[in-house]
Amino acid sequence: VSVRSRVEAGNIRRVLCIFPAYAPAFGTLSHALRLVGAKAFMPPQGLLVIANYLPESWPVRVIDENMSRAKRADFEWADVVFVTGMHLQTAQIHNIRERARAAGKVTALGGPSVSAAPDFYPDYDYLHIGELGDATDALIARLDQTIAPPPMQICFSTKERLPLADFPLPAYHRVQLDNYLLGTLQFSSGCPYLCEFCDIPHLYGRQPRLKSPAQLIGELDFILSQKAYPASVYFVDDNFIGNRKATREMLPHLVAWQKKNDYPLSFACEATLNIAKQADILALMREARFDAVFIGIETPEPAALKAMRKEHNASLPMLEAIRTLNSYGLEVASGIILGLDSDTAETESHLNDFVDCSRIPMLTINLLQALPRTPLWERLARDDRLVEDSERESNVQFLRPYEEVIATWRRCIAHAYAPERLYARFIHQIKATYPNRLVAPGNGRVTKSNLMRGATLFINLLFRVGLLADYRRPFWGAAWQAIRCGQIEALFGIGFVSYHLIEFSREALRGEQNASFYSARARESIDTMKRSPNDTMRQSA
C-alpha cells in the first residue's frame, strides 16, 4: 500500500510532473542508448515518489523530457506543473517554467538544485526546499486551496522530514520502465563523510536514513509487476555503505528475493573505496548479483585526497582495493576531478599512470565545479575565487592557468579513451573480473524485453562498431577474448559502453561537450530550447 499525503484534499487538481533533460555526459551513456533501443538513462526516482505521494484523487502525468518534451496539450491539461532537477539541469528547469508560464499554469519546483540554491529560481511560483515532509503537505494544502499564481513567490521549507520507511512506492507504473537503460532503487539517504566538494551532507544529512528490507522487497516486486523493466537496477543511495550494519542486514533479503525470482535483475551502486575492507558485504553483494560499483576516487594523489577531506580513500592501497573489488566480480567505474588546488605539472602523468595501472574502463574525468552550500563553495567565496562566466568550463578560479587546466583535461581524456587503451582495460576485466561473478541459476532474465534489447544491441554493435568504426580492430580483439572466455553477455556490455566513451570523448576533444558534468557553460543539447516558449509549444503540440 502506497503512503499518501496526510492532507485531505477537497478539490481535484491535475498535476503535470516534468523531469528536465540532461545534457550529454560521460556518465549517462547518452551515445549508447540507441544501441539497445533505450530512450533515457534512469527514471527520475524522486519525482516518481512525489507522484505517488499526492492525494489519490489528483490525476497525475509524469513526463521525462529525456525521452520526449511535454506538449502543449499536456500543459493545457494541467492545473499545476511540478518540476525537479539538479544543478546541471538549471537551464532546462528555467525553460520548463517559461513554457508553463506561456500556458498560464502555476509552477512548483523541488529537488536538490533548488534546495541548495533557491536564489537560482526566482521565476517559479512555489519553491519546495528540502526532502519529502511537512513542506510537501503544506504545498499540497495550498494548491488544494487555490491554483491561482501567488502575487509573490512562496517558499515551503521542510522542518520535519518524512521517515524513509514511510516513503510511498515510486510511481513506476506512470512511466514505461523498459524505455530506460537502468531501473532505480533507494535503500538509504545521506552520507557520513564531509568531502569538501560534495553537497550530500547539507542536503540529506550525515546520518544515513533507511528503508526497511521489507519495503525494499516490495519495491522490487512492484518493478517486476510492470509489463516490462530493465535488466539492471542501480541503487541511487548516496553511499551504499553509509550505514554498514544496515547494508549487511539488508543484503540477505535481497539474495533471498533473487533466488525466489530466478535472479531477474543485476544490481549496481555507488560507494566509497573503503567498501573493499568489508569482505562480508562484498560476498553478499556477489550473491545478490551486484556486478558494478561507482567509486568516487577523485584523484590518485594522497595529498589531494587529504586536502579535499577524503582521507578514507587513502586508508588502504588504492590499486589493491580495486583488485579486491574485481575479485568479487565488481567492475569499478570511477569519478576523477581535475583542477584541484593541489594539482601540479605532474598530476597529468600521475592520473594517466593510474588509468593504466588500475585498468578501470570507465572514468568520468571532470573539471572541479563548486556546488552551492558545500565547504568548497564557501571557501572559494571567502577567497573571491567563484567565477560567474557562462563561457567557462568551471565556476572555479583555478590556481593553475585556466587554459593549462583545460589542456590537461583534454590530454587526459585522450589518453584514457584512446581505443587501444580502453579495450586493453576491458580485456583485463574479461580475465580478472567477469569470471568472478555469480553464475545465476534459472532463467529469470530471459524476458521478451531483454531478448529484444539483446538482438537490437547485437545488430547495432556489429554494424556501427564491428564494421564501420575506425576502432573496429581493437574492438574485435576484445571481442575475441570475451568469446574465448565464454563471456558473451560481458561482450555486449563492453561494446555498449566503449561506443559511448569513445564517441563522447571525441566530441569533447572537438569542443562539442562540456568538461564537467556540472559545467555552467551554455551548450544547449535540445535545439527547441533555443526557440521562444510559444514557438516551442506550437511545434510540440
Protein backbone atom coordinates (compact mmCIF):
# COMPACT_ATOMS: atom_id res chain seq x y z
CA VAL A 1 0.00 0.00 0.00
CA SER A 2 1.47 3.35 -1.02
CA VAL A 3 1.64 6.05 1.66
CA ARG A 4 -0.15 9.25 0.65
CA SER A 5 -0.10 12.81 1.92
CA ARG A 6 -1.97 13.44 5.17
CA VAL A 7 -3.77 16.37 3.51
CA GLU A 8 -7.44 15.63 2.87
CA ALA A 9 -7.92 17.30 -0.48
CA GLY A 10 -11.29 18.84 -1.17
CA ASN A 11 -10.63 19.72 -4.80
CA ILE A 12 -9.34 17.88 -7.85
CA ARG A 13 -6.00 19.14 -9.15
CA ARG A 14 -4.40 17.79 -12.30
CA VAL A 15 -0.65 17.64 -11.74
CA LEU A 16 1.89 17.53 -14.57
CA CYS A 17 5.25 16.27 -13.26
CA ILE A 18 8.15 17.09 -15.61
CA PHE A 19 11.74 15.91 -15.31
CA PRO A 20 14.18 18.09 -17.30
CA ALA A 21 16.54 16.72 -19.93
CA TYR A 22 20.19 16.12 -19.11
CA ALA A 23 22.99 17.48 -21.22
CA PRO A 24 25.13 14.62 -22.62
CA ALA A 25 27.85 13.43 -20.23
CA PHE A 26 30.40 10.66 -19.79
CA GLY A 27 28.32 9.08 -17.03
CA THR A 28 24.88 8.98 -18.66
CA LEU A 29 25.90 6.78 -21.62
CA SER A 30 23.85 9.02 -23.88
CA HIS A 31 25.52 7.92 -27.12
CA ALA A 32 24.97 4.25 -26.48
CA LEU A 33 21.26 4.35 -25.60
CA ARG A 34 20.32 3.98 -29.26
CA LEU A 35 22.33 0.76 -29.48
CA VAL A 36 19.84 -1.04 -27.21
CA GLY A 37 16.72 0.92 -28.12
CA ALA A 38 16.57 2.70 -24.74
CA LYS A 39 15.33 6.29 -24.67
CA ALA A 40 16.79 7.51 -21.36
CA PHE A 41 19.34 6.59 -18.72
CA MET A 42 17.41 6.15 -15.45
CA PRO A 43 13.89 7.04 -14.26
CA PRO A 44 13.51 10.16 -12.06
CA GLN A 45 13.19 8.39 -8.71
CA GLY A 46 12.38 11.47 -6.64
CA LEU A 47 9.67 12.71 -8.97
CA LEU A 48 8.09 9.25 -9.06
CA VAL A 49 7.96 9.22 -5.25
CA ILE A 50 6.26 12.64 -5.23
CA ALA A 51 3.78 11.46 -7.88
CA ASN A 52 2.64 8.62 -5.62
CA TYR A 53 2.54 10.83 -2.51
CA LEU A 54 -0.04 13.25 -3.94
CA PRO A 55 -3.71 12.83 -2.95
CA GLU A 56 -5.16 9.76 -4.62
CA SER A 57 -7.95 11.82 -6.17
CA TRP A 58 -5.49 14.04 -8.06
CA PRO A 59 -4.78 12.89 -11.63
CA VAL A 60 -1.05 12.81 -12.37
CA ARG A 61 1.04 12.70 -15.55
CA VAL A 62 4.80 12.13 -15.46
CA ILE A 63 6.90 13.27 -18.42
CA ASP A 64 10.63 12.67 -18.62
CA GLU A 65 11.99 15.12 -21.17
CA ASN A 66 15.00 12.90 -21.71
CA MET A 67 12.52 10.86 -23.77
CA SER A 68 10.07 13.41 -25.15
CA ARG A 69 9.14 17.00 -24.43
CA ALA A 70 5.92 17.95 -22.72
CA LYS A 71 3.46 19.03 -25.41
CA ARG A 72 1.07 21.95 -25.48
CA ALA A 73 -1.78 19.55 -24.75
CA ASP A 74 -0.02 18.37 -21.57
CA PHE A 75 0.25 21.94 -20.25
CA GLU A 76 -3.35 22.68 -21.23
CA TRP A 77 -4.50 19.56 -19.32
CA ALA A 78 -2.67 20.51 -16.12
CA ASP A 79 -3.73 22.71 -13.22
CA VAL A 80 -0.20 22.81 -11.80
CA VAL A 81 3.25 21.88 -13.09
CA PHE A 82 5.74 20.13 -10.76
CA VAL A 83 9.43 20.19 -11.70
CA THR A 84 12.55 18.80 -10.05
CA GLY A 85 16.19 18.68 -11.05
CA MET A 86 19.89 19.05 -10.32
CA HIS A 87 22.24 21.96 -10.94
CA LEU A 88 23.30 20.61 -14.34
CA GLN A 89 19.65 20.87 -15.44
CA THR A 90 19.26 24.53 -14.44
CA ALA A 91 18.79 25.84 -17.98
CA GLN A 92 16.17 23.21 -18.73
CA ILE A 93 14.39 23.91 -15.42
CA HIS A 94 14.01 27.57 -16.39
CA ASN A 95 12.86 26.57 -19.87
CA ILE A 96 10.04 24.43 -18.46
CA ARG A 97 8.94 27.38 -16.31
CA GLU A 98 8.79 29.62 -19.39
CA ARG A 99 6.64 27.09 -21.24
CA ALA A 100 4.33 26.66 -18.25
CA ARG A 101 4.03 30.45 -17.90
CA ALA A 102 3.14 30.74 -21.60
CA ALA A 103 0.34 28.24 -20.93
CA GLY A 104 -0.82 30.21 -17.88
CA LYS A 105 -0.03 27.46 -15.38
CA VAL A 106 1.16 27.71 -11.80
CA THR A 107 4.53 26.06 -11.14
CA ALA A 108 6.26 24.37 -8.21
CA LEU A 109 9.94 23.44 -8.10
CA GLY A 110 11.60 20.97 -5.72
CA GLY A 111 14.66 18.72 -5.68
CA PRO A 112 18.37 19.04 -4.94
CA SER A 113 19.18 22.13 -7.01
CA VAL A 114 16.54 24.45 -5.58
CA SER A 115 17.09 23.03 -2.09
CA ALA A 116 20.76 24.05 -2.25
CA ALA A 117 20.31 27.31 -4.18
CA PRO A 118 16.75 28.70 -4.05
CA ASP A 119 18.02 32.08 -5.27
CA PHE A 120 18.73 30.47 -8.66
CA TYR A 121 14.98 30.21 -9.31
CA PRO A 122 13.11 33.48 -8.72
CA ASP A 123 10.78 32.71 -11.63
CA TYR A 124 8.87 29.78 -10.03
CA ASP A 125 5.61 30.38 -8.15
CA TYR A 126 6.36 27.87 -5.38
CA LEU A 127 9.66 26.51 -4.12
CA HIS A 128 9.89 23.28 -2.12
CA ILE A 129 13.10 23.30 -0.07
CA GLY A 130 14.29 20.03 1.40
CA GLU A 131 13.03 16.48 1.32
CA LEU A 132 9.56 14.97 1.43
CA GLY A 133 7.82 16.05 4.63
CA ASP A 134 5.76 18.82 6.19
CA ALA A 135 6.68 21.26 3.42
CA THR A 136 5.20 18.84 0.88
CA ASP A 137 1.93 18.68 2.80
CA ALA A 138 1.88 22.48 3.09
CA LEU A 139 2.35 22.83 -0.68
CA ILE A 140 -0.42 20.30 -1.36
CA ALA A 141 -2.75 22.13 1.04
CA ARG A 142 -2.02 25.44 -0.68
CA LEU A 143 -2.73 24.01 -4.14
CA ASP A 144 -5.91 22.39 -2.88
CA GLN A 145 -7.00 25.83 -1.72
CA THR A 146 -6.08 27.69 -4.93
CA ILE A 147 -4.32 27.19 -8.25
CA ALA A 148 -4.07 30.91 -8.97
CA PRO A 149 -0.43 32.07 -9.21
CA PRO A 150 0.57 33.82 -5.96
CA PRO A 151 1.39 37.55 -6.18
CA MET A 152 4.87 36.76 -4.84
CA GLN A 153 6.94 33.59 -4.77
CA ILE A 154 6.12 31.32 -1.82
CA CYS A 155 8.77 29.06 -0.33
CA PHE A 156 7.95 25.93 1.70
CA SER A 157 10.88 24.51 3.70
CA THR A 158 10.86 21.05 5.25
CA LYS A 159 11.28 21.11 9.01
CA GLU A 160 10.04 17.58 9.66
CA ARG A 161 11.16 15.02 7.09
CA LEU A 162 9.00 12.02 6.31
CA PRO A 163 10.94 8.94 7.50
CA LEU A 164 12.32 6.97 4.60
CA ALA A 165 10.46 3.95 5.97
CA ASP A 166 7.19 5.82 5.28
CA PHE A 167 8.03 6.77 1.68
CA PRO A 168 5.47 5.68 -0.90
CA LEU A 169 6.32 3.28 -3.66
CA PRO A 170 7.80 5.18 -6.61
CA ALA A 171 5.18 5.53 -9.35
CA TYR A 172 6.92 3.11 -11.71
CA HIS A 173 3.56 2.47 -13.36
CA ARG A 174 3.44 6.08 -14.61
CA VAL A 175 6.49 5.65 -16.85
CA GLN A 176 7.39 2.91 -19.28
CA LEU A 177 10.26 1.33 -17.37
CA ASP A 178 11.69 -0.59 -20.30
CA ASN A 179 12.39 2.72 -22.07
CA TYR A 180 15.20 3.20 -19.55
CA LEU A 181 18.64 1.69 -19.65
CA LEU A 182 18.63 1.14 -15.87
CA GLY A 183 16.00 0.86 -13.20
CA THR A 184 16.39 2.67 -9.89
CA LEU A 185 16.01 1.72 -6.25
CA GLN A 186 16.79 3.52 -2.98
CA PHE A 187 17.67 1.93 0.34
CA SER A 188 19.28 4.82 2.21
CA SER A 189 19.78 8.57 2.07
CA GLY A 190 22.75 10.56 3.38
CA CYS A 191 26.49 10.01 3.80
CA PRO A 192 28.68 10.27 6.92
CA TYR A 193 31.67 11.82 5.14
CA LEU A 194 32.39 15.53 4.64
CA CYS A 195 34.15 15.68 1.28
CA GLU A 196 34.79 19.35 0.54
CA PHE A 197 33.15 19.42 -2.89
CA CYS A 198 30.04 17.36 -2.04
CA ASP A 199 26.60 18.75 -1.17
CA ILE A 200 25.10 15.47 0.12
CA PRO A 201 25.67 16.12 3.86
CA HIS A 202 23.98 19.53 3.57
CA LEU A 203 21.03 18.21 1.56
CA TYR A 204 20.43 14.81 3.14
CA GLY A 205 22.46 14.67 6.34
CA ARG A 206 25.42 12.68 7.64
CA GLN A 207 23.37 10.05 9.46
CA PRO A 208 22.01 7.77 6.73
CA ARG A 209 18.27 7.18 6.97
CA LEU A 210 16.93 3.84 5.88
CA LYS A 211 14.09 1.91 4.37
CA SER A 212 13.23 -1.48 5.79
CA PRO A 213 14.28 -4.60 3.90
CA ALA A 214 10.58 -5.48 3.52
CA GLN A 215 9.94 -2.08 1.97
CA LEU A 216 12.79 -2.59 -0.48
CA ILE A 217 11.50 -6.02 -1.46
CA GLY A 218 8.05 -4.52 -2.01
CA GLU A 219 9.52 -2.02 -4.45
CA LEU A 220 11.34 -4.80 -6.30
CA ASP A 221 8.09 -6.77 -6.54
CA PHE A 222 6.42 -3.64 -7.91
CA ILE A 223 9.12 -3.33 -10.58
CA LEU A 224 8.62 -6.95 -11.59
CA SER A 225 4.86 -6.43 -11.77
CA GLN A 226 5.30 -3.94 -14.62
CA LYS A 227 4.77 -5.09 -18.17
CA ALA A 228 8.50 -4.75 -18.91
CA TYR A 229 11.50 -3.45 -17.00
CA PRO A 230 15.28 -3.01 -17.37
CA ALA A 231 17.51 -5.98 -16.61
CA SER A 232 19.76 -3.92 -14.31
CA VAL A 233 18.83 -1.75 -11.34
CA TYR A 234 21.00 0.99 -9.84
CA PHE A 235 20.85 1.78 -6.12
CA VAL A 236 20.71 5.59 -6.04
CA ASP A 237 21.92 5.71 -2.42
CA ASP A 238 24.46 8.45 -1.78
CA ASN A 239 26.77 5.83 -0.26
CA PHE A 240 25.69 2.19 -0.28
CA ILE A 241 27.74 1.52 2.86
CA GLY A 242 26.89 4.77 4.64
CA ASN A 243 25.43 2.51 7.33
CA ARG A 244 27.36 -0.75 7.04
CA LYS A 245 25.34 -2.59 9.66
CA ALA A 246 22.08 -1.83 7.85
CA THR A 247 23.54 -2.82 4.48
CA ARG A 248 24.86 -6.04 5.96
CA GLU A 249 21.41 -6.87 7.37
CA MET A 250 19.55 -5.93 4.18
CA LEU A 251 21.60 -7.93 1.68
CA PRO A 252 20.44 -11.43 2.75
CA HIS A 253 16.86 -10.31 2.00
CA LEU A 254 17.99 -9.23 -1.45
CA VAL A 255 19.74 -12.56 -2.02
CA ALA A 256 16.60 -14.46 -0.96
CA TRP A 257 14.47 -12.35 -3.32
CA GLN A 258 16.80 -13.06 -6.22
CA LYS A 259 16.69 -16.80 -5.56
CA LYS A 260 12.91 -16.77 -5.24
CA ASN A 261 12.50 -14.98 -8.58
CA ASP A 262 15.24 -16.81 -10.54
CA TYR A 263 17.64 -13.84 -10.50
CA PRO A 264 15.69 -11.50 -12.81
CA LEU A 265 17.94 -8.48 -12.15
CA SER A 266 21.53 -7.45 -11.67
CA PHE A 267 22.46 -4.53 -9.44
CA ALA A 268 24.95 -1.67 -9.26
CA CYS A 269 25.56 1.01 -6.67
CA GLU A 270 27.77 3.90 -5.53
CA ALA A 271 30.07 3.51 -2.54
CA THR A 272 33.29 4.77 -1.01
CA LEU A 273 36.52 2.91 -1.78
CA ASN A 274 36.75 1.55 1.77
CA ILE A 275 34.00 -0.89 0.85
CA ALA A 276 36.98 -3.05 -0.17
CA LYS A 277 37.58 -3.66 3.55
CA GLN A 278 34.11 -5.18 4.02
CA ALA A 279 34.62 -8.77 2.86
CA ASP A 280 31.29 -9.97 4.30
CA ILE A 281 29.35 -7.24 2.50
CA LEU A 282 31.19 -7.91 -0.76
CA ALA A 283 30.42 -11.63 -0.54
CA LEU A 284 26.72 -10.88 -0.05
CA MET A 285 26.77 -8.39 -2.91
CA ARG A 286 28.16 -11.09 -5.16
CA GLU A 287 25.41 -13.50 -4.06
CA ALA A 288 22.82 -10.80 -4.77
CA ARG A 289 24.32 -10.33 -8.26
CA PHE A 290 25.87 -6.89 -7.97
CA ASP A 291 28.20 -6.53 -10.95
CA ALA A 292 29.33 -2.88 -10.83
CA VAL A 293 30.15 -0.17 -8.33
CA PHE A 294 30.83 3.52 -8.89
CA ILE A 295 33.63 4.82 -6.67
CA GLY A 296 34.45 8.50 -6.29
CA ILE A 297 38.21 8.02 -6.39
CA GLU A 298 38.64 11.68 -7.46
CA THR A 299 42.46 11.60 -7.60
CA PRO A 300 45.29 9.11 -7.07
CA GLU A 301 47.33 11.77 -5.23
CA PRO A 302 47.26 11.30 -1.41
CA ALA A 303 47.92 14.98 -0.64
CA ALA A 304 44.96 15.99 -2.79
CA LEU A 305 42.68 13.48 -1.04
CA LYS A 306 43.66 14.95 2.31
CA ALA A 307 43.04 18.49 1.09
CA MET A 308 39.52 17.62 -0.07
CA ARG A 309 38.78 15.76 3.20
CA LYS A 310 38.59 12.39 1.50
CA GLU A 311 41.27 10.65 3.52
CA HIS A 312 39.17 7.47 3.64
CA ASN A 313 40.19 6.85 0.02
CA ALA A 314 43.79 6.74 1.18
CA SER A 315 43.08 4.42 4.13
CA LEU A 316 44.12 1.40 2.05
CA PRO A 317 46.29 0.94 -1.05
CA MET A 318 44.13 2.17 -3.91
CA LEU A 319 45.14 -0.37 -6.58
CA GLU A 320 44.87 -3.22 -4.09
CA ALA A 321 41.34 -2.09 -3.17
CA ILE A 322 40.32 -2.09 -6.84
CA ARG A 323 41.73 -5.59 -7.30
CA THR A 324 39.74 -6.72 -4.25
CA LEU A 325 36.51 -5.38 -5.74
CA ASN A 326 37.30 -7.07 -9.05
CA SER A 327 37.81 -10.37 -7.20
CA TYR A 328 34.14 -10.26 -6.17
CA GLY A 329 33.03 -9.69 -9.76
CA LEU A 330 32.56 -5.95 -9.33
CA GLU A 331 33.65 -3.80 -12.25
CA VAL A 332 34.68 -0.42 -10.90
CA ALA A 333 33.70 2.87 -12.52
CA SER A 334 35.46 5.91 -11.16
CA GLY A 335 34.90 9.62 -10.75
CA ILE A 336 38.01 11.77 -11.33
CA ILE A 337 38.43 15.52 -10.72
CA LEU A 338 40.97 17.83 -12.34
CA GLY A 339 41.56 21.46 -11.46
CA LEU A 340 42.18 20.88 -7.75
CA ASP A 341 44.25 23.37 -5.81
CA SER A 342 46.79 20.63 -5.20
CA ASP A 343 47.27 19.84 -8.91
CA THR A 344 50.79 20.25 -10.25
CA ALA A 345 52.56 19.73 -13.56
CA GLU A 346 52.95 16.06 -12.54
CA THR A 347 49.22 15.48 -11.93
CA GLU A 348 48.59 14.56 -15.55
CA SER A 349 51.21 11.81 -15.59
CA HIS A 350 50.03 10.55 -12.18
CA LEU A 351 46.46 10.27 -13.48
CA ASN A 352 47.48 8.59 -16.72
CA ASP A 353 49.56 6.08 -14.76
CA PHE A 354 46.58 5.40 -12.51
CA VAL A 355 44.30 4.82 -15.50
CA ASP A 356 46.77 2.34 -16.97
CA CYS A 357 47.54 0.53 -13.70
CA SER A 358 44.02 0.38 -12.24
CA ARG A 359 42.60 -0.86 -15.55
CA ILE A 360 39.27 0.76 -14.75
CA PRO A 361 37.46 1.00 -18.10
CA MET A 362 35.08 3.87 -17.33
CA LEU A 363 36.33 7.03 -15.64
CA THR A 364 34.22 10.18 -15.58
CA ILE A 365 37.01 12.77 -15.76
CA ASN A 366 35.55 16.17 -14.87
CA LEU A 367 36.85 19.62 -14.03
CA LEU A 368 36.29 20.82 -10.49
CA GLN A 369 32.97 22.61 -10.07
CA ALA A 370 31.90 24.37 -6.87
CA LEU A 371 28.35 23.45 -5.88
CA PRO A 372 26.32 25.80 -3.68
CA ARG A 373 26.28 25.15 0.07
CA THR A 374 29.39 22.98 0.00
CA PRO A 375 32.54 23.66 2.03
CA LEU A 376 34.33 24.19 -1.30
CA TRP A 377 31.83 26.87 -2.34
CA GLU A 378 32.17 28.65 0.99
CA ARG A 379 35.98 28.57 0.91
CA LEU A 380 36.19 29.85 -2.65
CA ALA A 381 33.61 32.54 -1.91
CA ARG A 382 35.74 33.78 1.01
CA ASP A 383 38.78 33.85 -1.29
CA ASP A 384 36.85 35.57 -4.11
CA ARG A 385 37.53 32.62 -6.44
CA LEU A 386 34.00 31.90 -7.67
CA VAL A 387 33.59 32.91 -11.31
CA GLU A 388 30.26 33.66 -13.00
CA ASP A 389 31.01 33.27 -16.69
CA SER A 390 28.86 31.07 -18.92
CA GLU A 391 31.72 30.78 -21.41
CA ARG A 392 33.97 28.97 -18.92
CA GLU A 393 34.01 25.24 -18.28
CA SER A 394 34.06 25.75 -14.49
CA ASN A 395 32.95 28.32 -11.93
CA VAL A 396 36.26 27.91 -10.08
CA GLN A 397 39.22 30.23 -10.49
CA PHE A 398 41.96 27.60 -10.61
CA LEU A 399 45.36 28.18 -9.07
CA ARG A 400 46.94 26.98 -12.29
CA PRO A 401 46.26 28.89 -15.54
CA TYR A 402 42.77 28.16 -16.85
CA GLU A 403 43.86 27.21 -20.37
CA GLU A 404 46.52 24.90 -18.93
CA VAL A 405 43.90 23.09 -16.84
CA ILE A 406 41.64 22.68 -19.88
CA ALA A 407 44.54 21.37 -21.94
CA THR A 408 45.42 18.88 -19.22
CA TRP A 409 41.83 17.65 -19.15
CA ARG A 410 41.82 17.18 -22.91
CA ARG A 411 45.08 15.24 -22.88
CA CYS A 412 43.88 13.02 -20.02
CA ILE A 413 40.63 12.01 -21.72
CA ALA A 414 42.51 11.48 -24.98
CA HIS A 415 44.84 9.13 -23.13
CA ALA A 416 42.07 7.30 -21.23
CA TYR A 417 39.80 6.78 -24.22
CA ALA A 418 42.24 6.01 -26.97
CA PRO A 419 40.52 2.85 -28.29
CA GLU A 420 43.55 0.59 -27.92
CA ARG A 421 43.98 1.56 -24.25
CA LEU A 422 40.28 1.34 -23.47
CA TYR A 423 39.87 -2.14 -24.96
CA ALA A 424 43.06 -3.31 -23.22
CA ARG A 425 41.42 -2.36 -19.92
CA PHE A 426 38.29 -4.26 -20.90
CA ILE A 427 40.38 -7.32 -21.76
CA HIS A 428 41.75 -7.17 -18.22
CA GLN A 429 38.17 -7.15 -16.90
CA ILE A 430 37.37 -10.20 -19.04
CA LYS A 431 40.18 -12.09 -17.33
CA ALA A 432 40.18 -10.63 -13.80
CA THR A 433 36.61 -9.53 -13.01
CA TYR A 434 33.86 -11.11 -15.08
CA PRO A 435 34.79 -14.74 -14.26
CA ASN A 436 34.29 -13.94 -10.56
CA ARG A 437 30.63 -13.02 -10.96
CA LEU A 438 27.85 -15.28 -9.76
CA VAL A 439 26.56 -17.55 -12.49
CA ALA A 440 22.89 -17.21 -11.67
CA PRO A 441 20.73 -20.31 -11.95
CA GLY A 442 17.28 -20.11 -13.50
CA ASN A 443 16.01 -18.08 -16.42
CA GLY A 444 14.65 -15.01 -14.67
CA ARG A 445 16.45 -12.70 -17.08
CA VAL A 446 15.03 -14.39 -20.18
CA THR A 447 12.20 -11.98 -20.91
CA LYS A 448 10.83 -10.70 -24.18
CA SER A 449 12.12 -7.21 -23.40
CA ASN A 450 15.65 -8.45 -22.63
CA LEU A 451 15.74 -10.62 -25.74
CA MET A 452 14.65 -7.72 -27.93
CA ARG A 453 17.27 -5.46 -26.38
CA GLY A 454 19.94 -8.08 -26.86
CA ALA A 455 19.04 -8.54 -30.52
CA THR A 456 18.96 -4.78 -31.12
CA LEU A 457 22.34 -4.35 -29.42
CA PHE A 458 23.90 -7.22 -31.39
CA ILE A 459 22.83 -5.78 -34.73
CA ASN A 460 23.91 -2.24 -33.87
CA LEU A 461 27.27 -3.33 -32.45
CA LEU A 462 28.01 -5.45 -35.48
CA PHE A 463 27.14 -2.63 -37.85
CA ARG A 464 28.25 0.56 -36.03
CA VAL A 465 31.34 -0.77 -34.28
CA GLY A 466 32.31 -4.09 -35.83
CA LEU A 467 32.03 -2.91 -39.44
CA LEU A 468 32.03 0.90 -39.63
CA ALA A 469 34.06 2.20 -36.69
CA ASP A 470 37.70 3.15 -37.23
CA TYR A 471 38.43 1.37 -33.94
CA ARG A 472 36.89 -1.93 -35.03
CA ARG A 473 40.26 -3.74 -34.88
CA PRO A 474 40.79 -3.27 -31.09
CA PHE A 475 37.07 -3.95 -30.57
CA TRP A 476 37.34 -7.32 -32.28
CA GLY A 477 40.48 -8.05 -30.27
CA ALA A 478 38.49 -7.62 -27.04
CA ALA A 479 35.50 -9.46 -28.52
CA TRP A 480 37.65 -12.48 -29.36
CA GLN A 481 38.98 -12.58 -25.80
CA ALA A 482 35.43 -12.46 -24.43
CA ILE A 483 34.27 -15.24 -26.76
CA ARG A 484 37.25 -17.43 -25.83
CA CYS A 485 36.44 -16.95 -22.13
CA GLY A 486 32.73 -17.59 -22.60
CA GLN A 487 31.86 -14.01 -21.56
CA ILE A 488 29.20 -13.35 -24.22
CA GLU A 489 26.98 -11.17 -22.03
CA ALA A 490 30.03 -9.17 -20.98
CA LEU A 491 30.93 -8.68 -24.64
CA PHE A 492 27.64 -6.86 -25.21
CA GLY A 493 28.39 -4.60 -22.25
CA ILE A 494 31.90 -3.88 -23.48
CA GLY A 495 30.69 -2.88 -26.92
CA PHE A 496 27.89 -0.77 -25.50
CA VAL A 497 29.99 1.20 -23.01
CA SER A 498 33.05 1.58 -25.23
CA TYR A 499 30.99 3.02 -28.07
CA HIS A 500 29.71 5.80 -25.81
CA LEU A 501 33.06 6.54 -24.19
CA ILE A 502 34.96 6.76 -27.46
CA GLU A 503 32.33 8.80 -29.30
CA PHE A 504 31.72 11.16 -26.36
CA SER A 505 35.43 11.73 -25.72
CA ARG A 506 35.99 12.55 -29.39
CA GLU A 507 33.21 15.12 -29.26
CA ALA A 508 34.70 16.57 -26.08
CA LEU A 509 38.11 16.85 -27.74
CA ARG A 510 36.47 18.73 -30.61
CA GLY A 511 34.98 21.17 -28.08
CA GLU A 512 31.44 19.89 -28.57
CA GLN A 513 30.91 18.68 -24.97
CA ASN A 514 31.48 20.26 -21.57
CA ALA A 515 34.48 19.44 -19.41
CA SER A 516 32.35 18.99 -16.30
CA PHE A 517 29.12 17.18 -15.52
CA TYR A 518 28.07 20.36 -13.66
CA SER A 519 29.51 22.88 -16.09
CA ALA A 520 27.68 26.18 -16.37
CA ARG A 521 28.91 26.63 -19.93
CA ALA A 522 25.94 27.28 -22.17
CA ARG A 523 25.77 24.35 -24.56
CA GLU A 524 22.15 23.57 -25.39
CA SER A 525 21.52 19.88 -26.02
CA ILE A 526 18.00 20.40 -27.31
CA ASP A 527 17.58 22.60 -30.36
CA THR A 528 13.99 23.50 -29.48
CA MET A 529 15.16 25.19 -26.26
CA LYS A 530 16.53 27.97 -28.44
CA ARG A 531 13.03 28.89 -29.60
CA SER A 532 10.61 31.09 -27.70
CA PRO A 533 8.22 29.31 -25.31
CA ASN A 534 5.24 29.95 -27.56
CA ASP A 535 7.06 28.66 -30.65
CA THR A 536 8.14 25.57 -28.74
CA MET A 537 4.59 24.82 -27.60
CA ARG A 538 3.17 25.30 -31.07
CA GLN A 539 5.70 22.93 -32.64
CA SER A 540 5.42 20.25 -29.93
CA ALA A 541 1.63 20.07 -29.87
